[in-house]
N, C-alpha and C. Protein backbone atom coordinates (compact mmCIF):
# COMPACT_ATOMS: atom_id res chain seq x y z
N UNK A 1 0.41 -32.58 152.19
CA UNK A 1 0.36 -33.69 151.25
C UNK A 1 -0.16 -34.93 151.97
N UNK A 2 -1.08 -35.58 151.33
CA UNK A 2 -1.75 -36.71 151.95
C UNK A 2 -0.93 -38.00 151.92
N UNK A 3 -0.12 -38.17 150.91
CA UNK A 3 0.64 -39.40 150.75
C UNK A 3 2.13 -39.11 150.79
N UNK A 4 2.87 -40.03 151.39
CA UNK A 4 4.32 -39.86 151.56
C UNK A 4 5.04 -39.65 150.23
N UNK A 5 4.65 -40.39 149.19
CA UNK A 5 5.36 -40.30 147.91
C UNK A 5 5.26 -38.92 147.27
N UNK A 6 4.22 -38.16 147.59
CA UNK A 6 4.04 -36.84 146.99
C UNK A 6 5.19 -35.88 147.32
N UNK A 7 5.83 -36.10 148.44
CA UNK A 7 6.93 -35.22 148.85
C UNK A 7 8.28 -35.63 148.25
N UNK A 8 8.33 -36.76 147.58
CA UNK A 8 9.59 -37.23 146.99
C UNK A 8 9.87 -36.51 145.68
N UNK A 9 11.03 -35.88 145.59
CA UNK A 9 11.41 -35.18 144.35
C UNK A 9 11.49 -36.15 143.18
N UNK A 10 11.93 -37.36 143.43
CA UNK A 10 12.07 -38.35 142.36
C UNK A 10 10.69 -38.68 141.78
N UNK A 11 9.68 -38.79 142.64
CA UNK A 11 8.32 -39.05 142.16
C UNK A 11 7.79 -37.87 141.37
N UNK A 12 8.03 -36.66 141.88
CA UNK A 12 7.56 -35.45 141.19
C UNK A 12 8.19 -35.31 139.81
N UNK A 13 9.47 -35.61 139.72
CA UNK A 13 10.17 -35.52 138.43
C UNK A 13 9.66 -36.58 137.47
N UNK A 14 9.46 -37.78 137.96
CA UNK A 14 8.93 -38.85 137.12
C UNK A 14 7.52 -38.51 136.63
N UNK A 15 6.73 -37.89 137.49
CA UNK A 15 5.39 -37.47 137.10
C UNK A 15 5.44 -36.42 136.00
N UNK A 16 6.33 -35.47 136.13
CA UNK A 16 6.50 -34.45 135.09
C UNK A 16 6.92 -35.08 133.76
N UNK A 17 7.77 -36.08 133.84
CA UNK A 17 8.24 -36.73 132.61
C UNK A 17 7.15 -37.52 131.91
N UNK A 18 6.16 -38.01 132.66
CA UNK A 18 5.05 -38.71 131.98
C UNK A 18 4.30 -37.74 131.08
N UNK A 19 4.21 -36.49 131.50
CA UNK A 19 3.56 -35.46 130.68
C UNK A 19 4.38 -35.22 129.42
N UNK A 20 5.70 -35.12 129.57
CA UNK A 20 6.57 -34.91 128.41
C UNK A 20 6.48 -36.07 127.42
N UNK A 21 6.45 -37.29 127.93
CA UNK A 21 6.35 -38.46 127.06
C UNK A 21 5.00 -38.46 126.35
N UNK A 22 3.95 -38.14 127.07
CA UNK A 22 2.62 -38.09 126.46
C UNK A 22 2.58 -37.06 125.33
N UNK A 23 3.15 -35.90 125.56
CA UNK A 23 3.19 -34.87 124.52
C UNK A 23 4.00 -35.34 123.31
N UNK A 24 5.10 -36.00 123.56
CA UNK A 24 5.93 -36.53 122.47
C UNK A 24 5.14 -37.52 121.62
N UNK A 25 4.38 -38.40 122.27
CA UNK A 25 3.67 -39.44 121.52
C UNK A 25 2.54 -38.88 120.66
N UNK A 26 2.11 -37.68 120.94
CA UNK A 26 1.08 -37.06 120.09
C UNK A 26 1.62 -36.79 118.68
N UNK A 27 2.95 -36.76 118.54
CA UNK A 27 3.59 -36.56 117.23
C UNK A 27 3.78 -37.88 116.47
N UNK A 28 3.58 -39.00 117.13
CA UNK A 28 3.82 -40.30 116.51
C UNK A 28 2.75 -40.58 115.45
N UNK A 29 3.11 -41.35 114.43
CA UNK A 29 2.11 -41.73 113.42
C UNK A 29 1.06 -42.66 114.02
N UNK A 30 -0.11 -42.66 113.43
CA UNK A 30 -1.23 -43.48 113.92
C UNK A 30 -0.91 -44.97 113.92
N UNK A 31 -0.09 -45.42 112.99
CA UNK A 31 0.21 -46.85 112.96
C UNK A 31 1.07 -47.31 114.13
N UNK A 32 1.57 -46.37 114.94
CA UNK A 32 2.34 -46.71 116.14
C UNK A 32 1.47 -46.67 117.41
N UNK A 33 0.18 -46.35 117.25
CA UNK A 33 -0.70 -46.15 118.41
C UNK A 33 -0.69 -47.34 119.37
N UNK A 34 -0.80 -48.55 118.84
CA UNK A 34 -0.86 -49.74 119.69
C UNK A 34 0.48 -50.44 119.81
N UNK A 35 1.51 -49.77 119.33
CA UNK A 35 2.85 -50.36 119.39
C UNK A 35 3.72 -49.46 120.27
N UNK A 36 4.54 -48.64 119.66
CA UNK A 36 5.50 -47.82 120.40
C UNK A 36 4.81 -46.78 121.28
N UNK A 37 3.75 -46.17 120.80
CA UNK A 37 3.04 -45.15 121.60
C UNK A 37 2.57 -45.75 122.91
N UNK A 38 1.91 -46.86 122.83
CA UNK A 38 1.40 -47.52 124.02
C UNK A 38 2.53 -47.96 124.95
N UNK A 39 3.56 -48.52 124.38
CA UNK A 39 4.68 -49.06 125.18
C UNK A 39 5.40 -47.96 125.95
N UNK A 40 5.74 -46.87 125.30
CA UNK A 40 6.51 -45.82 125.97
C UNK A 40 5.66 -45.11 127.03
N UNK A 41 4.37 -44.94 126.76
CA UNK A 41 3.50 -44.30 127.75
C UNK A 41 3.32 -45.18 128.97
N UNK A 42 3.14 -46.48 128.76
CA UNK A 42 2.99 -47.41 129.89
C UNK A 42 4.28 -47.48 130.71
N UNK A 43 5.41 -47.47 130.05
CA UNK A 43 6.69 -47.53 130.76
C UNK A 43 6.91 -46.26 131.58
N UNK A 44 6.61 -45.10 131.00
CA UNK A 44 6.77 -43.83 131.72
C UNK A 44 5.84 -43.79 132.93
N UNK A 45 4.61 -44.23 132.74
CA UNK A 45 3.66 -44.26 133.87
C UNK A 45 4.12 -45.24 134.94
N UNK A 46 4.71 -46.35 134.53
CA UNK A 46 5.17 -47.37 135.47
C UNK A 46 6.25 -46.84 136.41
N UNK A 47 7.08 -45.94 135.91
CA UNK A 47 8.12 -45.35 136.77
C UNK A 47 7.45 -44.67 137.97
N UNK A 48 6.48 -43.82 137.68
CA UNK A 48 5.78 -43.07 138.72
C UNK A 48 5.01 -44.01 139.65
N UNK A 49 4.29 -44.93 139.06
CA UNK A 49 3.44 -45.82 139.84
C UNK A 49 4.23 -46.72 140.79
N UNK A 50 5.38 -47.21 140.34
CA UNK A 50 6.18 -48.07 141.20
C UNK A 50 6.82 -47.31 142.35
N UNK A 51 7.21 -46.07 142.11
CA UNK A 51 7.74 -45.25 143.22
C UNK A 51 6.66 -45.05 144.27
N UNK A 52 5.46 -44.69 143.82
CA UNK A 52 4.36 -44.46 144.75
C UNK A 52 3.98 -45.74 145.49
N UNK A 53 3.84 -46.82 144.76
CA UNK A 53 3.43 -48.08 145.39
C UNK A 53 4.45 -48.58 146.40
N UNK A 54 5.71 -48.47 146.06
CA UNK A 54 6.75 -48.96 146.96
C UNK A 54 6.94 -48.10 148.19
N UNK A 55 6.67 -46.83 148.06
CA UNK A 55 6.90 -45.87 149.14
C UNK A 55 5.84 -45.95 150.23
N UNK A 56 4.63 -46.22 149.85
CA UNK A 56 3.50 -46.09 150.76
C UNK A 56 3.30 -47.35 151.60
N UNK A 57 3.59 -47.22 152.87
CA UNK A 57 3.32 -48.29 153.82
C UNK A 57 4.16 -49.54 153.65
N UNK A 58 5.31 -49.42 153.05
CA UNK A 58 6.16 -50.58 152.81
C UNK A 58 7.44 -50.47 153.64
N UNK A 59 8.10 -51.60 153.80
CA UNK A 59 9.40 -51.61 154.47
C UNK A 59 10.45 -51.12 153.48
N UNK A 60 11.61 -50.75 154.00
CA UNK A 60 12.70 -50.31 153.12
C UNK A 60 13.10 -51.36 152.09
N UNK A 61 13.22 -52.64 152.47
CA UNK A 61 13.56 -53.64 151.45
C UNK A 61 12.50 -53.74 150.35
N UNK A 62 11.24 -53.62 150.71
CA UNK A 62 10.18 -53.67 149.70
C UNK A 62 10.25 -52.43 148.83
N UNK A 63 10.47 -51.27 149.44
CA UNK A 63 10.59 -50.03 148.68
C UNK A 63 11.76 -50.12 147.70
N UNK A 64 12.87 -50.70 148.13
CA UNK A 64 14.02 -50.90 147.24
C UNK A 64 13.64 -51.75 146.03
N UNK A 65 12.86 -52.78 146.26
CA UNK A 65 12.41 -53.63 145.16
C UNK A 65 11.59 -52.83 144.16
N UNK A 66 10.66 -52.02 144.66
CA UNK A 66 9.83 -51.22 143.77
C UNK A 66 10.64 -50.14 143.05
N UNK A 67 11.65 -49.62 143.71
CA UNK A 67 12.53 -48.66 143.03
C UNK A 67 13.29 -49.37 141.91
N UNK A 68 13.62 -50.63 142.11
CA UNK A 68 14.25 -51.41 141.05
C UNK A 68 13.32 -51.57 139.86
N UNK A 69 12.03 -51.82 140.12
CA UNK A 69 11.05 -51.90 139.04
C UNK A 69 10.96 -50.57 138.31
N UNK A 70 10.95 -49.50 139.10
CA UNK A 70 10.86 -48.15 138.53
C UNK A 70 12.07 -47.85 137.65
N UNK A 71 13.23 -48.23 138.11
CA UNK A 71 14.46 -48.04 137.34
C UNK A 71 14.41 -48.81 136.02
N UNK A 72 13.93 -50.03 136.07
CA UNK A 72 13.81 -50.83 134.84
C UNK A 72 12.83 -50.20 133.86
N UNK A 73 11.75 -49.65 134.38
CA UNK A 73 10.77 -48.98 133.51
C UNK A 73 11.37 -47.73 132.88
N UNK A 74 12.18 -47.00 133.64
CA UNK A 74 12.85 -45.82 133.08
C UNK A 74 13.80 -46.22 131.95
N UNK A 75 14.49 -47.33 132.13
CA UNK A 75 15.38 -47.83 131.08
C UNK A 75 14.56 -48.27 129.87
N UNK A 76 13.37 -48.80 130.11
CA UNK A 76 12.49 -49.17 129.02
C UNK A 76 12.08 -47.93 128.21
N UNK A 77 11.80 -46.83 128.91
CA UNK A 77 11.48 -45.58 128.21
C UNK A 77 12.65 -45.17 127.31
N UNK A 78 13.85 -45.23 127.85
CA UNK A 78 15.04 -44.86 127.07
C UNK A 78 15.17 -45.76 125.85
N UNK A 79 14.94 -47.05 126.02
CA UNK A 79 15.00 -47.97 124.87
C UNK A 79 13.95 -47.62 123.83
N UNK A 80 12.76 -47.24 124.28
CA UNK A 80 11.71 -46.81 123.36
C UNK A 80 12.12 -45.54 122.61
N UNK A 81 12.82 -44.66 123.30
CA UNK A 81 13.32 -43.45 122.64
C UNK A 81 14.27 -43.82 121.50
N UNK A 82 15.14 -44.77 121.76
CA UNK A 82 16.07 -45.22 120.72
C UNK A 82 15.32 -45.85 119.55
N UNK A 83 14.31 -46.64 119.85
CA UNK A 83 13.52 -47.26 118.78
C UNK A 83 12.85 -46.17 117.94
N UNK A 84 12.25 -45.20 118.62
CA UNK A 84 11.59 -44.10 117.91
C UNK A 84 12.54 -43.30 117.07
N UNK A 85 13.73 -43.09 117.57
CA UNK A 85 14.74 -42.36 116.80
C UNK A 85 15.17 -43.18 115.58
N UNK A 86 15.37 -44.46 115.79
CA UNK A 86 15.79 -45.34 114.70
C UNK A 86 14.72 -45.43 113.60
N UNK A 87 13.47 -45.37 114.01
CA UNK A 87 12.36 -45.42 113.05
C UNK A 87 12.03 -44.05 112.47
N UNK A 88 12.81 -43.04 112.84
CA UNK A 88 12.61 -41.66 112.36
C UNK A 88 11.27 -41.08 112.80
N UNK A 89 10.83 -41.50 113.99
CA UNK A 89 9.61 -40.97 114.59
C UNK A 89 9.95 -39.84 115.56
N UNK A 90 11.11 -39.97 116.20
CA UNK A 90 11.55 -38.99 117.20
C UNK A 90 12.77 -38.26 116.63
N UNK A 91 12.69 -36.93 116.62
CA UNK A 91 13.82 -36.16 116.11
C UNK A 91 14.93 -36.06 117.16
N UNK A 92 16.08 -35.60 116.75
CA UNK A 92 17.25 -35.54 117.64
C UNK A 92 17.03 -34.64 118.85
N UNK A 93 16.33 -33.54 118.67
CA UNK A 93 16.10 -32.60 119.77
C UNK A 93 15.23 -33.24 120.85
N UNK A 94 14.09 -33.82 120.44
CA UNK A 94 13.21 -34.48 121.40
C UNK A 94 13.90 -35.67 122.05
N UNK A 95 14.63 -36.44 121.25
CA UNK A 95 15.35 -37.59 121.78
C UNK A 95 16.32 -37.15 122.88
N UNK A 96 17.16 -36.18 122.56
CA UNK A 96 18.21 -35.77 123.51
C UNK A 96 17.62 -35.19 124.79
N UNK A 97 16.56 -34.41 124.66
CA UNK A 97 15.92 -33.82 125.84
C UNK A 97 15.42 -34.90 126.78
N UNK A 98 14.65 -35.84 126.25
CA UNK A 98 14.12 -36.89 127.11
C UNK A 98 15.19 -37.88 127.56
N UNK A 99 16.15 -38.15 126.71
CA UNK A 99 17.26 -39.02 127.09
C UNK A 99 17.98 -38.43 128.31
N UNK A 100 18.29 -37.15 128.25
CA UNK A 100 18.98 -36.48 129.36
C UNK A 100 18.12 -36.47 130.64
N UNK A 101 16.83 -36.23 130.46
CA UNK A 101 15.93 -36.21 131.62
C UNK A 101 15.84 -37.59 132.27
N UNK A 102 15.73 -38.62 131.46
CA UNK A 102 15.66 -39.97 132.03
C UNK A 102 17.00 -40.43 132.60
N UNK A 103 18.09 -39.95 132.04
CA UNK A 103 19.39 -40.25 132.63
C UNK A 103 19.48 -39.65 134.04
N UNK A 104 19.04 -38.41 134.18
CA UNK A 104 19.03 -37.76 135.50
C UNK A 104 18.07 -38.47 136.45
N UNK A 105 16.91 -38.87 135.94
CA UNK A 105 15.94 -39.56 136.78
C UNK A 105 16.47 -40.90 137.26
N UNK A 106 17.13 -41.65 136.40
CA UNK A 106 17.67 -42.95 136.83
C UNK A 106 18.74 -42.76 137.91
N UNK A 107 19.49 -41.70 137.81
CA UNK A 107 20.48 -41.40 138.87
C UNK A 107 19.78 -41.09 140.18
N UNK A 108 18.67 -40.36 140.11
CA UNK A 108 17.91 -40.03 141.32
C UNK A 108 17.32 -41.30 141.96
N UNK A 109 16.77 -42.16 141.13
CA UNK A 109 16.19 -43.41 141.63
C UNK A 109 17.27 -44.27 142.28
N UNK A 110 18.40 -44.37 141.60
CA UNK A 110 19.50 -45.17 142.13
C UNK A 110 20.01 -44.61 143.45
N UNK A 111 20.16 -43.29 143.51
CA UNK A 111 20.63 -42.65 144.75
C UNK A 111 19.65 -42.90 145.89
N UNK A 112 18.36 -42.78 145.63
CA UNK A 112 17.36 -43.04 146.68
C UNK A 112 17.43 -44.49 147.11
N UNK A 113 17.52 -45.39 146.16
CA UNK A 113 17.59 -46.82 146.48
C UNK A 113 18.82 -47.12 147.33
N UNK A 114 19.94 -46.46 147.04
CA UNK A 114 21.17 -46.70 147.80
C UNK A 114 21.11 -46.15 149.22
N UNK A 115 20.20 -45.22 149.49
CA UNK A 115 20.07 -44.69 150.85
C UNK A 115 19.23 -45.59 151.76
N UNK A 116 18.52 -46.52 151.16
CA UNK A 116 17.61 -47.38 151.96
C UNK A 116 18.33 -48.58 152.53
């Protein structure tokens, strides 16, 4: 692996979840394209990007800061899931699956941050 972040399980899991979020948004109505669809996809991508950016060539305090950004973006995804569920865009099965996955991911991010 060429980059340090590639070996992090938390980064790999966050990357997998961006695919799941992208697939979910394909079910969204067209009128949500520039609203919820865009927001949830950007937030999911931000989780991955902040882990990578903070990990590569940074000090532990800087990496902790970027993990904090990543954690906030993961919480933003969860909030978007709630909005989608409330608007009847996301069904209970899809909601619960991604909610559980992001809950596990936030625990992983927090645990990594606490080790630094």
